[in-house]
Protein backbone atom coordinates (compact mmCIF):
# COMPACT_ATOMS: atom_id res chain seq x y z
CA MET A 1 20.41 6.46 1.79
CA PRO A 2 16.79 6.19 3.32
CA THR A 3 16.02 8.94 6.34
CA GLU A 4 14.16 8.07 9.58
CA ARG A 5 12.02 9.85 11.99
CA LEU A 6 9.66 8.71 14.74
CA VAL A 7 6.46 10.60 14.77
CA PRO A 8 4.26 10.80 17.79
CA THR A 9 0.56 9.32 17.61
CA ALA A 10 -2.02 8.91 20.43
CA VAL A 11 -1.16 5.44 20.93
CA GLY A 12 2.93 5.90 20.59
CA GLU A 13 5.52 6.82 18.29
CA ALA A 14 5.41 5.84 14.72
CA ARG A 15 8.56 5.16 12.44
CA VAL A 16 8.83 6.69 9.03
CA VAL A 17 11.72 5.62 6.75
CA THR A 18 11.88 7.72 3.64
CA TYR A 19 13.37 7.02 0.29
CA ALA A 20 13.75 10.20 -1.48
CA ALA A 21 13.97 10.53 -5.22
CA ARG A 22 15.75 13.59 -7.09
CA ARG A 23 13.33 15.85 -8.26
CA ALA A 24 10.28 13.97 -7.15
CA GLN A 25 6.99 14.00 -9.01
CA VAL A 26 4.86 12.25 -6.51
CA ARG A 27 5.36 10.79 -2.92
CA LEU A 28 4.03 7.34 -2.41
CA VAL A 29 3.38 6.58 1.60
CA LEU A 30 2.83 3.11 2.34
CA THR A 31 2.08 1.15 5.62
CA HIS A 32 2.17 -2.70 6.46
CA GLY A 33 -0.82 -5.05 7.12
CA ALA A 34 -2.14 -6.22 10.50
CA GLY A 35 0.33 -8.99 10.92
CA GLY A 36 3.48 -7.83 9.12
CA GLY A 37 5.63 -5.17 9.06
CA VAL A 38 7.44 -2.66 6.76
CA ASP A 39 9.89 -5.60 5.90
CA ALA A 40 7.24 -7.05 3.66
CA PRO A 41 8.99 -8.08 0.09
CA ASP A 42 6.92 -6.08 -2.02
CA LEU A 43 6.99 -2.69 0.27
CA VAL A 44 10.92 -3.18 0.06
CA ARG A 45 10.98 -3.97 -3.59
CA LEU A 46 9.09 -0.59 -4.36
CA THR A 47 11.40 1.46 -2.28
CA ALA A 48 14.45 -0.11 -4.52
CA ASP A 49 12.57 0.53 -7.41
CA LEU A 50 10.77 3.76 -7.62
CA PRO A 51 13.01 6.51 -6.41
CA GLY A 52 15.04 6.15 -9.54
CA GLN A 53 11.72 7.02 -11.26
CA ARG A 54 11.35 10.33 -9.42
CA ILE A 55 8.88 8.76 -7.15
CA THR A 56 9.72 8.96 -3.20
CA VAL A 57 8.63 6.23 -1.11
CA ALA A 58 7.88 6.42 2.66
CA LEU A 59 7.25 3.18 4.38
CA VAL A 60 5.34 3.90 7.95
CA GLU A 61 5.77 1.27 10.71
CA MET A 62 2.92 1.49 13.12
CA PRO A 63 3.11 2.36 16.69
CA TRP A 64 2.35 -1.29 17.82
CA ARG A 65 4.71 -2.65 15.64
CA VAL A 66 7.45 -0.25 16.93
CA GLN A 67 6.60 -1.39 20.38
CA GLY A 68 7.11 -4.88 19.22
CA LYS A 69 3.51 -6.01 19.69
CA LYS A 70 2.18 -8.28 17.11
CA LEU A 71 -1.26 -7.88 17.15
CA ALA A 72 -2.83 -4.66 15.19
CA PRO A 73 -5.62 -2.40 17.23
CA ARG A 74 -9.15 -1.72 15.91
CA PRO A 75 -9.41 -0.03 12.31
CA ALA A 76 -9.98 3.03 14.08
CA VAL A 77 -7.09 3.38 15.85
CA ILE A 78 -5.12 2.46 12.74
CA ASP A 79 -6.73 5.19 11.03
CA GLU A 80 -6.11 7.76 13.77
CA SER A 81 -2.27 6.61 13.74
CA TYR A 82 -1.85 6.70 9.79
CA LEU A 83 -3.56 10.32 9.94
CA ALA A 84 -1.32 11.53 12.77
CA VAL A 85 1.72 10.44 10.57
CA LEU A 86 0.42 12.11 7.50
CA SER A 87 0.15 15.13 9.32
CA ALA A 88 3.52 15.36 10.41
CA LEU A 89 4.75 14.57 6.78
CA ARG A 90 3.59 17.61 5.05
CA SER A 91 5.07 18.19 1.90
CA THR A 92 4.44 20.47 -1.65
CA THR A 93 4.85 16.97 -3.53
CA PRO A 94 1.42 15.33 -4.24
CA PHE A 95 1.16 12.04 -2.44
CA VAL A 96 -0.47 8.67 -3.07
CA LEU A 97 -1.59 6.86 0.08
CA GLY A 98 -1.35 3.11 0.16
CA GLY A 99 -0.36 -0.04 1.88
CA ARG A 100 -0.75 -3.80 2.21
CA SER A 101 -3.89 -5.94 3.48
CA ALA A 102 -5.25 -3.91 6.52
CA GLY A 103 -2.94 -0.61 5.48
CA ALA A 104 -4.74 -1.01 2.31
CA ARG A 105 -8.12 -1.04 3.76
CA SER A 106 -6.99 2.20 5.97
CA ALA A 107 -5.66 4.04 3.16
CA CYS A 108 -9.21 3.44 1.15
CA ARG A 109 -10.87 4.92 4.27
CA ILE A 110 -8.57 8.00 5.16
CA ALA A 111 -6.96 9.23 1.56
CA ALA A 112 -9.25 11.45 0.33
CA GLY A 113 -9.59 13.26 3.60
CA ALA A 114 -6.03 13.46 4.06
CA GLY A 115 -5.30 15.14 0.68
CA ALA A 116 -4.10 12.01 -1.26
CA VAL A 117 -4.39 12.21 -4.98
CA GLY A 118 -4.43 8.17 -5.30
CA VAL A 119 -4.83 5.05 -3.34
CA LEU A 120 -2.20 2.11 -3.73
CA ALA A 121 -3.95 -1.07 -2.32
CA LEU A 122 -1.52 -4.11 -2.18
CA SER A 123 -3.27 -7.37 -1.61
CA PHE A 124 -6.35 -5.72 -0.53
CA PRO A 125 -8.43 -8.15 1.72
CA LEU A 126 -11.59 -8.25 -0.33
CA HIS A 127 -13.05 -10.68 2.45
CA PRO A 128 -12.10 -12.87 5.40
CA PRO A 129 -10.69 -16.56 3.78
CA GLY A 130 -13.75 -18.44 2.92
CA ARG A 131 -16.21 -16.00 3.96
CA PRO A 132 -16.76 -13.88 0.41
CA GLU A 133 -20.23 -12.87 1.89
CA LYS A 134 -18.22 -10.88 4.13
CA SER A 135 -17.67 -8.03 1.46
CA ARG A 136 -15.16 -5.25 2.11
CA LEU A 137 -15.96 -4.10 -1.61
CA GLU A 138 -17.71 -0.84 -0.31
CA GLU A 139 -14.52 0.23 1.58
CA LEU A 140 -12.69 0.02 -1.60
CA ALA A 141 -15.05 1.77 -3.83
CA GLY A 142 -15.47 4.56 -1.04
CA ALA A 143 -11.90 5.75 -1.80
CA GLY A 144 -13.25 8.30 -4.18
CA LEU A 145 -9.80 8.65 -5.86
CA PRO A 146 -7.80 6.70 -8.57
CA THR A 147 -6.80 3.44 -7.12
CA LEU A 148 -4.84 0.74 -8.21
CA VAL A 149 -5.15 -2.89 -6.46
CA VAL A 150 -2.17 -5.53 -6.86
CA GLN A 151 -3.60 -8.94 -5.80
CA GLY A 152 -2.08 -12.51 -5.85
CA GLY A 153 -3.73 -14.40 -8.14
CA ASN A 154 -4.26 -17.15 -5.22
CA ASP A 155 -4.96 -14.82 -2.45
CA PRO A 156 -7.36 -16.38 -0.15
CA PHE A 157 -8.90 -13.03 0.74
CA GLY A 158 -9.97 -12.18 -2.50
CA ARG A 159 -8.74 -13.51 -5.88
CA PRO A 160 -8.40 -11.25 -8.83
CA GLU A 161 -11.59 -12.49 -10.41
CA GLU A 162 -13.47 -11.68 -7.28
CA PHE A 163 -13.16 -8.05 -8.00
CA PRO A 164 -15.59 -6.43 -10.32
CA GLY A 165 -14.59 -5.33 -13.56
CA ASP A 166 -14.20 -1.75 -13.01
CA VAL A 167 -11.76 -2.05 -10.52
CA GLU A 168 -8.23 -1.14 -11.60
CA LEU A 169 -6.19 -4.26 -10.75
CA ALA A 170 -3.03 -5.68 -11.57
CA THR A 171 -2.36 -9.75 -11.11
CA VAL A 172 0.53 -11.19 -9.59
CA PRO A 173 0.07 -14.83 -11.06
CA PHE A 174 -0.03 -17.44 -8.36
CA GLY A 175 0.73 -15.34 -5.70
CA ASP A 176 -0.70 -15.50 -2.28
CA HIS A 177 -1.78 -12.88 0.27
CA SER A 178 2.04 -12.13 0.93
CA MET A 179 2.65 -12.23 -2.93
CA LYS A 180 4.59 -15.39 -2.41
CA VAL A 181 4.96 -17.88 -5.15
CA PRO A 182 5.16 -21.35 -5.28
CA LYS A 183 8.60 -22.92 -6.33
CA ARG A 184 6.79 -24.76 -8.93
CA ALA A 185 5.22 -21.86 -10.47
CA PRO A 186 6.54 -20.67 -13.97
CA LEU A 187 7.82 -17.52 -12.60
CA THR A 188 10.23 -16.62 -9.77
CA GLN A 189 9.64 -14.77 -6.68
CA ASP A 190 11.86 -11.84 -8.43
CA ASP A 191 9.29 -12.06 -11.39
CA ALA A 192 6.36 -11.79 -8.95
CA LEU A 193 8.03 -8.55 -7.16
CA ALA A 194 8.73 -7.12 -10.51
CA ILE A 195 5.31 -7.24 -11.50
CA VAL A 196 4.36 -5.24 -8.31
CA THR A 197 6.73 -2.62 -9.06
CA GLU A 198 6.05 -2.33 -12.94
CA ALA A 199 2.41 -2.30 -12.22
CA THR A 200 2.79 0.42 -9.74
CA LEU A 201 5.00 2.59 -11.71
CA GLU A 202 2.93 2.50 -14.63
CA TRP A 203 -0.28 3.27 -12.80
CA LEU A 204 1.54 6.46 -11.19
CA VAL A 205 2.80 7.77 -14.37
CA ARG A 206 -0.37 7.24 -16.20
CA ASP A 207 -3.29 7.91 -13.83
CA VAL A 208 -1.65 9.91 -11.33
CA VAL A 209 1.32 11.83 -12.59
CA GLY A 210 -0.45 12.01 -15.99
CA ASN A 211 -3.61 13.33 -14.80
CA ARG A 212 -1.95 16.07 -13.01
CA GLU A 213 0.18 17.39 -15.97
CA ALA A 214 -2.71 17.25 -18.38
């Protein structure tokens, strides 16, 4: 059963729901995007699949969502809130920081300074839809840690082929920014979410846990 706690931040309480693994090798801390919550299907699927693989997953619901607001604050406030939560979640288990969309951007900005050992970027918004000239690649590259991007093949915020070749990237074919695939796609929604968890698990074992044990 997951455990839940409220964590104070400068802009209100955040909610952290933790799905603990026995003898965890790594802890994966994730938050949501600007317009969604921790009930995003890919986040939920990770909580179902990874604890059985010795990976604890903690989902962070940011204060504005706890307060029922739909619009996220400016990026600096997101970062400050995420850092406040991480300060309260101190553990001897190494952790990977991540999130989806705006949460992925925040993770890239703060992970190294917060002591994370890697970054998981789900649906990284490489640019606003239709505005490839407004690239956020520098933000992604600036993480300075092993980073996995999991991107939908039809994500209007950045399709997989728009990322440089040196980015560690897993593609969810036909997926949009929410990893949702159309009904006519040759894979089911369950198949799409399985790709998210399988790619994440493989990367964690190979590039995070494996590097620490080497």
